[in-house]
Amino acid sequence: MRKFFLFTVFVVMNVVVFAQDKAELEKKRKQTLQEIEILNDQYNEIKKNKKQSIGQLTLIQNKIRLRNEVISTINKQVRAIDGDINTSYIEMRRLQKDLDTLKMNYAQNVVYAYKNRSSYDFLNFLFSATSFNDAVQRVSYMRAYRNYRAQQLDAIIKTEELYKQKITQLTNNRKQKSVVLQDQNKEMGELVKDKQEQDEVVKNLKNKEKEISKNISAKRKQAQSLQASITAIINREIAAARKEAELKAKADAKAKADADAKAKADAKNNAPANTNPSTTVTTPATTPKTTPVTTAPVVKKVESYLEYNKEDLALGNSFEINRMKLPFPVDNGYVAIPYGDYVVPGTPIKGHQDFITIASPAGTSVKVVFDGEVVSVFDVGGMSAVTVRHGKYFTTYSNLSSVNVSKGQNIKTGQTVGRVGTNLDGEGQIDFILSRENQFLNPASWLRRSN
């Protein structure tokens, strides 16, 4: 019975584990399919433009990546179901073996009980005891034997029930596998279509090398102007912070000097006066008077003038510890052009940028990624940009069609700074720039997710 109990626990635990694994895989598959649906909507919107672009190619590549993730998840689901089926087969064979053993033992006990069924045999067994205690033990033995037979019968019934459950589970697993394999075939077909679309876009882009090169050159000039503006803004902030620090140091030094002068004057005014010069006064030995020494105020050395104030220092540290945790600037978007060097597939055209370009439907809300202060709202190539300071870090949101904030305004994480504008191809895009003082960083490595 102990063996049967342990086996039942093992079966139940296996069922729970497999159910959890399959539920997680199904949840992941549905989430990825939802992301693909969002990309499909964006792709259909771009196709209305009837103009092939780098953003369109990047979108298709993202679809292919997500489609491969879906197929990979389905493969894991199939393997999990196969494992469940194999486990069910093993458990069914074991249950059948245990069932056969239980039935055989029970049959033997029934036969034995039938052969010894008369009251005379029971009384003979009881009265042949050598003592009263022996008779009591024999009665207890007979009761235990009857209970054992009842337990055997109960074990047989439960084992048969488990066996039936395993047959049902096996049937359901086979049906589930069939459905999952159908989904797999469907996704494989969609993947083939996506790759065909990718080849078509690459082919068209290859025929438009001159136009693409022209657009990239225009974007490069715009980026240089943007970065120059950001650098000027940051330098202005550093200079203002430095001036503030110097003024504070001077004010501290003056306050210290005034305090020392007041202490000297108070000491002089409180000194005892000698009213009778003809009288010789014996003065006891005293501690030599020390002259107050004026010292310059100790200014705490900080890493950056931008962190001179405690508030700025706290804000800078808070931003820094949120690396890889910052939210995406838009709710519905993906990285169309990455940070650093990139190549337009199918062409020899290369590019470089010190920020990321995020594609999102025109008019989408652009949100600040962390608490900060708006230090500048400016114009670049006819489109607006907003720079927000987070201690020694700065984030800039460029190519905005409209702006919702003003200079000097304190804003909170997730607050809208503006709306997504369009690029030269008429597609919705923004440039997201991150810098640590004048050092431009890769924003993708700071964001919680980068599609």
Protein backbone atom coordinates (compact mmCIF):
# COMPACT_ATOMS: atom_id res chain seq x y z
CA MET A 1 0.00 0.00 0.00
CA ARG A 2 2.90 2.37 0.76
CA LYS A 3 4.32 1.69 -2.70
CA PHE A 4 0.93 2.41 -4.25
CA PHE A 5 0.65 5.70 -2.30
CA LEU A 6 4.12 6.88 -3.34
CA PHE A 7 3.44 6.01 -6.95
CA THR A 8 0.15 7.95 -6.86
CA VAL A 9 1.98 11.02 -5.48
CA PHE A 10 4.63 10.68 -8.23
CA VAL A 11 1.92 10.54 -10.92
CA VAL A 12 0.12 13.62 -9.57
CA MET A 13 3.37 15.63 -9.31
CA ASN A 14 4.32 14.76 -12.89
CA VAL A 15 0.91 15.84 -14.14
CA VAL A 16 1.19 19.19 -12.32
CA VAL A 17 4.74 19.87 -13.62
CA PHE A 18 3.85 19.06 -17.23
CA ALA A 19 0.70 21.19 -16.98
CA GLN A 20 2.70 24.17 -15.70
CA ASP A 21 5.36 23.82 -18.42
CA LYS A 22 2.77 23.59 -21.19
CA ALA A 23 0.82 26.54 -19.77
CA GLU A 24 3.95 28.72 -19.74
CA LEU A 25 4.83 27.74 -23.31
CA GLU A 26 1.30 28.47 -24.50
CA LYS A 27 1.35 31.86 -22.75
CA LYS A 28 4.67 32.76 -24.38
CA ARG A 29 3.40 31.67 -27.80
CA LYS A 30 0.28 33.85 -27.49
CA GLN A 31 2.34 36.87 -26.37
CA THR A 32 4.69 36.51 -29.35
CA LEU A 33 1.75 36.15 -31.75
CA GLN A 34 0.30 39.39 -30.31
CA GLU A 35 3.60 41.15 -31.03
CA ILE A 36 3.48 39.83 -34.59
CA GLU A 37 -0.06 41.16 -34.99
CA ILE A 38 1.12 44.62 -33.91
CA LEU A 39 3.96 44.46 -36.46
CA ASN A 40 1.51 43.32 -39.14
CA ASP A 41 -0.67 46.35 -38.47
CA GLN A 42 2.35 48.64 -38.76
CA TYR A 43 3.54 46.85 -41.89
CA ASN A 44 0.14 47.21 -43.57
CA GLU A 45 0.20 50.91 -42.72
CA ILE A 46 3.66 51.30 -44.26
CA LYS A 47 2.63 49.38 -47.39
CA LYS A 48 0.00 52.05 -48.08
CA ASN A 49 2.92 54.38 -48.75
CA LYS A 50 3.88 52.10 -51.69
CA LYS A 51 7.50 53.01 -51.15
CA GLN A 52 10.13 50.50 -50.03
CA SER A 53 12.26 51.72 -47.10
CA ILE A 54 14.85 50.59 -44.55
CA GLY A 55 12.16 50.81 -41.87
CA GLN A 56 9.94 48.43 -43.83
CA LEU A 57 12.80 45.96 -44.18
CA THR A 58 13.60 46.18 -40.46
CA LEU A 59 9.94 45.53 -39.65
CA ILE A 60 9.88 42.39 -41.82
CA GLN A 61 13.10 41.19 -40.19
CA ASN A 62 11.50 41.67 -36.78
CA LYS A 63 8.47 39.68 -37.95
CA ILE A 64 10.75 36.86 -39.12
CA ARG A 65 12.59 36.89 -35.78
CA LEU A 66 9.33 36.69 -33.84
CA ARG A 67 7.96 34.04 -36.21
CA ASN A 68 11.04 31.89 -35.54
CA GLU A 69 10.45 32.38 -31.81
CA VAL A 70 6.87 31.14 -32.22
CA ILE A 71 8.04 28.07 -34.14
CA SER A 72 10.70 27.42 -31.51
CA THR A 73 8.06 27.66 -28.77
CA ILE A 74 5.78 25.28 -30.68
CA ASN A 75 8.65 22.80 -31.00
CA LYS A 76 9.11 22.97 -27.23
CA GLN A 77 5.38 22.39 -26.79
CA VAL A 78 5.56 19.32 -29.04
CA ARG A 79 8.51 17.97 -27.06
CA ALA A 80 6.65 18.61 -23.79
CA ILE A 81 3.56 16.80 -25.10
CA ASP A 82 5.70 13.90 -26.37
CA GLY A 83 7.31 13.69 -22.94
CA ASP A 84 3.88 13.66 -21.34
CA ILE A 85 2.74 10.91 -23.72
CA ASN A 86 5.82 8.78 -22.99
CA THR A 87 5.34 9.27 -19.26
CA SER A 88 1.70 8.28 -19.61
CA TYR A 89 2.71 5.07 -21.43
CA ILE A 90 5.22 4.19 -18.71
CA GLU A 91 2.71 4.92 -15.95
CA MET A 92 0.02 2.90 -17.74
CA ARG A 93 2.31 -0.14 -18.02
CA ARG A 94 3.23 0.19 -14.36
CA LEU A 95 -0.40 0.57 -13.33
CA GLN A 96 -1.37 -2.45 -15.41
CA LYS A 97 1.38 -4.50 -13.78
CA ASP A 98 0.34 -3.37 -10.29
CA LEU A 99 -3.30 -4.05 -11.17
CA ASP A 100 -2.50 -7.58 -12.29
CA THR A 101 -0.52 -8.22 -9.09
CA LEU A 102 -3.27 -6.81 -6.88
CA LYS A 103 -5.95 -8.89 -8.63
CA MET A 104 -3.85 -12.06 -8.38
CA ASN A 105 -3.21 -11.55 -4.63
CA TYR A 106 -6.82 -10.72 -4.04
CA ALA A 107 -7.94 -13.82 -5.91
CA GLN A 108 -5.62 -15.98 -3.81
CA ASN A 109 -7.02 -14.47 -0.64
CA VAL A 110 -10.59 -15.02 -1.82
CA VAL A 111 -9.83 -18.67 -2.62
CA TYR A 112 -8.20 -19.13 0.78
CA ALA A 113 -11.14 -17.47 2.50
CA TYR A 114 -13.58 -19.67 0.58
CA LYS A 115 -11.77 -22.86 1.61
CA ASN A 116 -11.77 -21.74 5.24
CA ARG A 117 -15.22 -20.20 5.29
CA SER A 118 -16.97 -22.45 7.85
CA SER A 119 -17.63 -21.29 11.41
CA TYR A 120 -16.09 -24.54 12.68
CA ASP A 121 -12.72 -23.68 11.14
CA PHE A 122 -12.81 -20.21 12.69
CA LEU A 123 -13.75 -21.59 16.12
CA ASN A 124 -11.13 -24.33 15.82
CA PHE A 125 -8.50 -21.67 15.04
CA LEU A 126 -9.69 -19.56 17.97
CA PHE A 127 -9.98 -22.31 20.64
CA SER A 128 -6.70 -23.89 19.70
CA ALA A 129 -5.00 -20.89 21.30
CA THR A 130 -2.66 -21.81 24.18
CA SER A 131 -3.75 -18.85 26.32
CA PHE A 132 -6.30 -16.08 26.60
CA ASN A 133 -3.79 -13.52 25.23
CA ASP A 134 -3.06 -15.81 22.32
CA ALA A 135 -6.81 -16.02 21.58
CA VAL A 136 -7.11 -12.21 21.64
CA GLN A 137 -4.18 -11.93 19.25
CA ARG A 138 -5.82 -14.48 16.91
CA VAL A 139 -9.07 -12.45 16.89
CA SER A 140 -7.06 -9.30 16.10
CA TYR A 141 -5.28 -11.19 13.33
CA MET A 142 -8.57 -12.23 11.74
CA ARG A 143 -9.86 -8.65 11.86
CA ALA A 144 -6.61 -7.35 10.33
CA TYR A 145 -6.89 -9.96 7.60
CA ARG A 146 -10.43 -8.84 6.75
CA ASN A 147 -9.25 -5.20 6.68
CA TYR A 148 -6.34 -6.18 4.46
CA ARG A 149 -8.72 -7.78 1.97
CA ALA A 150 -10.87 -4.60 2.00
CA GLN A 151 -7.74 -2.49 1.39
CA GLN A 152 -6.74 -4.76 -1.49
CA LEU A 153 -10.11 -4.26 -3.09
CA ASP A 154 -9.90 -0.49 -2.57
CA ALA A 155 -6.40 -0.42 -4.12
CA ILE A 156 -7.68 -2.33 -7.15
CA ILE A 157 -10.54 0.14 -7.64
CA LYS A 158 -8.22 3.18 -7.30
CA THR A 159 -5.61 1.69 -9.61
CA GLU A 160 -8.27 1.01 -12.24
CA GLU A 161 -9.46 4.62 -11.89
CA LEU A 162 -5.90 5.94 -12.36
CA TYR A 163 -5.49 3.70 -15.38
CA LYS A 164 -8.67 5.12 -16.94
CA GLN A 165 -7.48 8.67 -16.20
CA LYS A 166 -4.18 7.95 -17.95
CA ILE A 167 -6.02 6.66 -21.01
CA THR A 168 -8.10 9.87 -21.09
CA GLN A 169 -4.99 12.01 -20.59
CA LEU A 170 -3.17 10.15 -23.35
CA THR A 171 -6.08 10.70 -25.73
CA ASN A 172 -6.18 14.42 -24.91
CA ASN A 173 -2.43 14.74 -25.37
CA ARG A 174 -2.66 13.17 -28.81
CA LYS A 175 -5.42 15.61 -29.80
CA GLN A 176 -3.42 18.53 -28.40
CA LYS A 177 -0.32 17.46 -30.30
CA SER A 178 -2.35 17.30 -33.50
CA VAL A 179 -3.60 20.88 -32.97
CA VAL A 180 -0.11 22.17 -32.13
CA LEU A 181 1.37 20.52 -35.22
CA GLN A 182 -1.30 22.22 -37.34
CA ASP A 183 -0.28 25.56 -35.79
CA GLN A 184 3.34 24.73 -36.53
CA ASN A 185 2.58 24.10 -40.20
CA LYS A 186 0.64 27.37 -40.36
CA GLU A 187 3.52 29.36 -38.84
CA MET A 188 6.01 27.69 -41.19
CA GLY A 189 3.86 28.81 -44.11
CA GLU A 190 3.73 32.38 -42.75
CA LEU A 191 7.50 32.33 -42.28
CA VAL A 192 7.98 31.41 -45.94
CA LYS A 193 5.74 34.38 -46.93
CA ASP A 194 7.68 36.73 -44.65
CA LYS A 195 10.98 35.66 -46.19
CA GLN A 196 9.57 36.16 -49.68
CA GLU A 197 8.47 39.67 -48.71
CA GLN A 198 11.92 40.32 -47.28
CA ASP A 199 13.58 39.23 -50.54
CA GLU A 200 11.24 41.51 -52.51
CA VAL A 201 11.97 44.53 -50.31
CA VAL A 202 15.74 43.86 -50.44
CA LYS A 203 15.54 43.64 -54.24
CA ASN A 204 13.68 46.96 -54.47
CA LEU A 205 16.06 48.65 -52.05
CA LYS A 206 18.99 47.47 -54.13
CA ASN A 207 17.46 49.26 -57.12
CA LYS A 208 17.15 52.45 -55.06
CA GLU A 209 20.72 52.73 -53.77
CA LYS A 210 21.14 56.36 -54.88
CA GLU A 211 17.93 57.49 -53.23
CA ILE A 212 18.75 55.59 -50.02
CA SER A 213 22.27 57.04 -49.97
CA LYS A 214 20.81 60.51 -50.37
CA ASN A 215 18.38 59.94 -47.49
CA ILE A 216 21.14 58.57 -45.26
CA SER A 217 23.35 61.59 -46.06
CA ALA A 218 20.48 63.92 -45.19
CA LYS A 219 19.87 61.99 -41.97
CA ARG A 220 23.58 62.14 -41.13
CA LYS A 221 23.62 65.94 -41.50
CA GLN A 222 20.51 66.19 -39.38
CA ALA A 223 22.11 63.92 -36.78
CA GLN A 224 25.26 66.05 -36.68
CA SER A 225 23.14 69.16 -36.14
CA LEU A 226 21.12 67.34 -33.46
CA GLN A 227 24.21 66.13 -31.61
CA ALA A 228 25.82 69.57 -31.82
CA SER A 229 22.69 71.07 -30.26
CA ILE A 230 22.66 68.46 -27.51
CA THR A 231 26.36 69.01 -26.80
CA ALA A 232 25.78 72.76 -26.55
CA ILE A 233 22.86 72.19 -24.17
CA ILE A 234 24.91 69.86 -21.96
CA ASN A 235 27.90 72.24 -21.95
CA ARG A 236 25.57 75.05 -20.92
CA GLU A 237 24.23 72.91 -18.08
CA ILE A 238 27.77 71.99 -16.97
CA ALA A 239 28.85 75.65 -17.06
CA ALA A 240 25.78 76.69 -15.06
CA ALA A 241 26.42 73.92 -12.53
CA ARG A 242 30.10 74.93 -12.28
CA LYS A 243 29.18 78.59 -11.75
CA GLU A 244 26.65 77.60 -9.11
CA ALA A 245 29.30 75.48 -7.37
CA GLU A 246 31.84 78.33 -7.44
CA LEU A 247 29.31 80.84 -6.08
CA LYS A 248 28.38 78.43 -3.32
CA ALA A 249 32.07 77.88 -2.46
CA LYS A 250 32.65 81.67 -2.29
CA ALA A 251 29.56 82.14 -0.17
CA ASP A 252 30.74 79.39 2.19
CA ALA A 253 34.22 80.97 2.38
CA LYS A 254 32.76 84.42 3.15
CA ALA A 255 30.47 82.98 5.80
CA LYS A 256 33.45 81.20 7.38
CA ALA A 257 35.58 84.37 7.33
CA ASP A 258 32.78 86.45 8.85
CA ALA A 259 32.33 83.86 11.60
CA ASP A 260 36.07 83.89 12.40
CA ALA A 261 36.20 87.72 12.47
CA LYS A 262 33.20 87.84 14.80
CA ALA A 263 34.86 85.28 17.09
CA LYS A 264 38.05 87.40 17.27
CA ALA A 265 36.11 90.59 18.04
CA ASP A 266 34.11 88.85 20.76
CA ALA A 267 37.31 87.51 22.34
CA LYS A 268 38.92 91.02 22.35
CA ASN A 269 35.87 92.72 23.83
CA ASN A 270 35.60 90.12 26.60
CA ALA A 271 39.30 90.51 27.73
CA PRO A 272 39.69 91.94 31.45
CA ALA A 273 40.84 95.67 31.68
CA ASN A 274 43.80 96.80 34.02
CA THR A 275 42.24 99.80 36.03
CA ASN A 276 45.20 100.48 38.50
CA PRO A 277 48.58 100.63 36.81
CA SER A 278 50.51 101.41 40.10
CA THR A 279 49.38 98.21 41.67
CA THR A 280 51.41 95.15 40.98
CA VAL A 281 49.20 92.22 40.34
CA THR A 282 50.50 88.69 40.39
CA THR A 283 48.78 86.81 37.64
CA PRO A 284 48.62 83.06 37.92
CA ALA A 285 50.03 81.03 35.06
CA THR A 286 47.55 80.72 32.20
CA THR A 287 47.31 78.77 28.98
CA PRO A 288 49.00 80.64 26.12
CA LYS A 289 46.49 82.46 23.94
CA THR A 290 46.08 80.96 20.49
CA THR A 291 45.34 83.04 17.45
CA PRO A 292 42.27 81.86 15.49
CA VAL A 293 43.28 80.45 12.11
CA THR A 294 41.02 81.12 9.17
CA THR A 295 40.66 78.01 6.97
CA ALA A 296 39.05 77.71 3.59
CA PRO A 297 35.79 75.76 3.54
CA VAL A 298 36.08 72.13 2.61
CA VAL A 299 34.15 71.52 -0.58
CA LYS A 300 33.10 67.92 -1.10
CA LYS A 301 34.68 66.59 -4.26
CA VAL A 302 32.07 65.21 -6.62
CA GLU A 303 32.44 63.31 -9.88
CA SER A 304 30.65 65.98 -11.90
CA TYR A 305 29.48 69.55 -11.43
CA LEU A 306 26.12 68.23 -12.62
CA GLU A 307 25.95 66.30 -9.35
CA TYR A 308 27.01 69.16 -7.10
CA ASN A 309 23.63 69.38 -5.40
CA LYS A 310 22.33 66.47 -3.31
CA GLU A 311 19.14 66.38 -5.38
CA ASP A 312 21.10 66.00 -8.61
CA LEU A 313 23.36 63.38 -7.06
CA ALA A 314 20.37 61.28 -5.95
CA LEU A 315 18.69 61.65 -9.34
CA GLY A 316 21.86 60.63 -11.18
CA ASN A 317 22.39 57.55 -9.02
CA SER A 318 18.75 56.53 -9.39
CA PHE A 319 18.98 56.74 -13.18
CA GLU A 320 22.21 54.75 -13.22
CA ILE A 321 20.90 51.82 -11.20
CA ASN A 322 17.99 51.46 -13.64
CA ARG A 323 20.16 50.24 -16.50
CA MET A 324 18.23 47.69 -18.61
CA LYS A 325 15.07 48.62 -16.66
CA LEU A 326 14.04 51.89 -18.33
CA PRO A 327 10.70 51.78 -20.19
CA PHE A 328 10.47 52.11 -23.98
CA PRO A 329 9.74 55.72 -25.07
CA VAL A 330 6.65 54.56 -27.03
CA ASP A 331 4.09 51.86 -26.27
CA ASN A 332 3.91 50.67 -29.86
CA GLY A 333 7.26 50.67 -31.66
CA TYR A 334 10.49 48.89 -32.55
CA VAL A 335 14.12 49.82 -33.24
CA ALA A 336 14.28 50.55 -36.97
CA ILE A 337 17.94 51.66 -37.08
CA PRO A 338 20.31 50.53 -34.32
CA TYR A 339 23.06 52.40 -32.48
CA GLY A 340 26.50 52.29 -34.12
CA ASP A 341 27.40 50.91 -37.53
CA TYR A 342 24.75 49.33 -39.75
CA VAL A 343 24.46 48.04 -43.32
CA VAL A 344 21.42 48.21 -45.61
CA PRO A 345 20.82 44.54 -46.57
CA GLY A 346 21.32 43.76 -50.23
CA THR A 347 23.31 46.95 -50.83
CA PRO A 348 26.85 48.21 -50.13
CA ILE A 349 25.38 51.19 -48.27
CA LYS A 350 26.65 51.64 -44.73
CA GLY A 351 25.67 54.05 -42.02
CA HIS A 352 26.50 55.05 -38.46
CA GLN A 353 24.64 56.87 -35.70
CA ASP A 354 25.17 57.47 -31.98
CA PHE A 355 21.52 56.88 -31.09
CA ILE A 356 18.65 54.59 -32.03
CA THR A 357 15.81 55.31 -34.43
CA ILE A 358 12.46 53.97 -33.24
CA ALA A 359 9.63 53.33 -35.71
CA SER A 360 6.11 53.93 -34.43
CA PRO A 361 2.84 55.16 -35.99
CA ALA A 362 2.85 58.94 -36.53
CA GLY A 363 1.09 60.73 -33.71
CA THR A 364 1.92 58.11 -31.06
CA SER A 365 2.69 59.52 -27.60
CA VAL A 366 6.41 59.78 -26.79
CA LYS A 367 7.07 59.33 -23.06
CA VAL A 368 10.03 60.29 -20.90
CA VAL A 369 11.88 57.20 -19.61
CA PHE A 370 12.76 58.61 -16.17
CA ASP A 371 12.06 61.49 -13.79
CA GLY A 372 13.90 64.65 -14.77
CA GLU A 373 13.90 68.33 -15.72
CA VAL A 374 13.27 69.62 -19.24
CA VAL A 375 16.40 71.66 -20.04
CA SER A 376 15.65 72.44 -23.67
CA VAL A 377 12.93 72.40 -26.32
CA PHE A 378 14.46 73.11 -29.72
CA ASP A 379 14.03 72.61 -33.48
CA VAL A 380 16.07 70.33 -35.78
CA GLY A 381 15.34 70.27 -39.50
CA GLY A 382 11.80 71.46 -39.07
CA MET A 383 10.97 68.92 -36.37
CA SER A 384 10.96 69.46 -32.60
CA ALA A 385 13.22 67.87 -30.00
CA VAL A 386 13.14 67.75 -26.20
CA THR A 387 16.14 67.21 -23.91
CA VAL A 388 15.56 66.06 -20.33
CA ARG A 389 18.22 66.06 -17.62
CA HIS A 390 18.48 63.19 -15.11
CA GLY A 391 21.42 64.25 -12.94
CA LYS A 392 24.52 63.76 -15.10
CA TYR A 393 22.48 61.81 -17.69
CA PHE A 394 20.48 63.34 -20.52
CA THR A 395 17.80 61.86 -22.79
CA THR A 396 16.69 63.54 -26.01
CA TYR A 397 13.54 62.79 -28.00
CA SER A 398 13.86 64.11 -31.55
CA ASN A 399 11.69 64.21 -34.69
CA LEU A 400 8.56 65.13 -32.75
CA SER A 401 5.55 66.51 -34.60
CA SER A 402 4.41 68.35 -31.44
CA VAL A 403 5.69 69.02 -27.92
CA ASN A 404 3.74 68.75 -24.64
CA VAL A 405 6.34 70.16 -22.18
CA SER A 406 8.29 73.38 -21.66
CA LYS A 407 11.80 74.30 -20.53
CA GLY A 408 12.34 74.16 -16.76
CA GLN A 409 9.41 71.79 -16.22
CA ASN A 410 9.91 68.82 -13.87
CA ILE A 411 8.39 65.67 -15.35
CA LYS A 412 7.81 62.12 -14.16
CA THR A 413 8.50 58.73 -15.75
CA GLY A 414 5.93 57.95 -18.44
CA GLN A 415 4.81 61.56 -18.89
CA THR A 416 4.20 62.52 -22.53
CA VAL A 417 6.81 64.91 -23.96
CA GLY A 418 5.43 64.98 -27.52
CA ARG A 419 4.12 63.04 -30.52
CA VAL A 420 5.89 60.87 -33.11
CA GLY A 421 6.71 62.71 -36.35
CA THR A 422 7.46 61.34 -39.85
CA ASN A 423 10.73 60.74 -41.67
CA LEU A 424 11.67 61.49 -45.28
CA ASP A 425 9.74 58.40 -46.43
CA GLY A 426 6.61 59.55 -44.63
CA GLU A 427 6.90 56.86 -41.93
CA GLY A 428 6.50 57.51 -38.22
CA GLN A 429 9.89 57.63 -36.48
CA ILE A 430 11.70 59.28 -33.58
CA ASP A 431 15.37 59.43 -32.65
CA PHE A 432 16.13 58.53 -29.03
CA ILE A 433 19.47 59.81 -27.73
CA LEU A 434 21.11 59.02 -24.39
CA SER A 435 24.27 60.66 -23.06
CA ARG A 436 26.30 60.73 -19.88
CA GLU A 437 27.38 64.34 -19.95
CA ASN A 438 28.96 64.65 -23.44
CA GLN A 439 29.45 60.90 -23.95
CA PHE A 440 26.76 59.36 -26.17
CA LEU A 441 25.64 55.89 -25.04
CA ASN A 442 23.69 53.03 -26.65
CA PRO A 443 20.10 53.53 -25.41
CA ALA A 444 19.09 49.96 -26.32
CA SER A 445 21.28 48.59 -23.50
CA TRP A 446 19.40 50.76 -20.99
CA LEU A 447 15.84 50.01 -22.07
CA ARG A 448 13.69 47.29 -20.55
CA ARG A 449 12.78 46.02 -23.98
CA SER A 450 14.01 46.88 -27.45
CA ASN A 451 11.98 45.30 -30.21
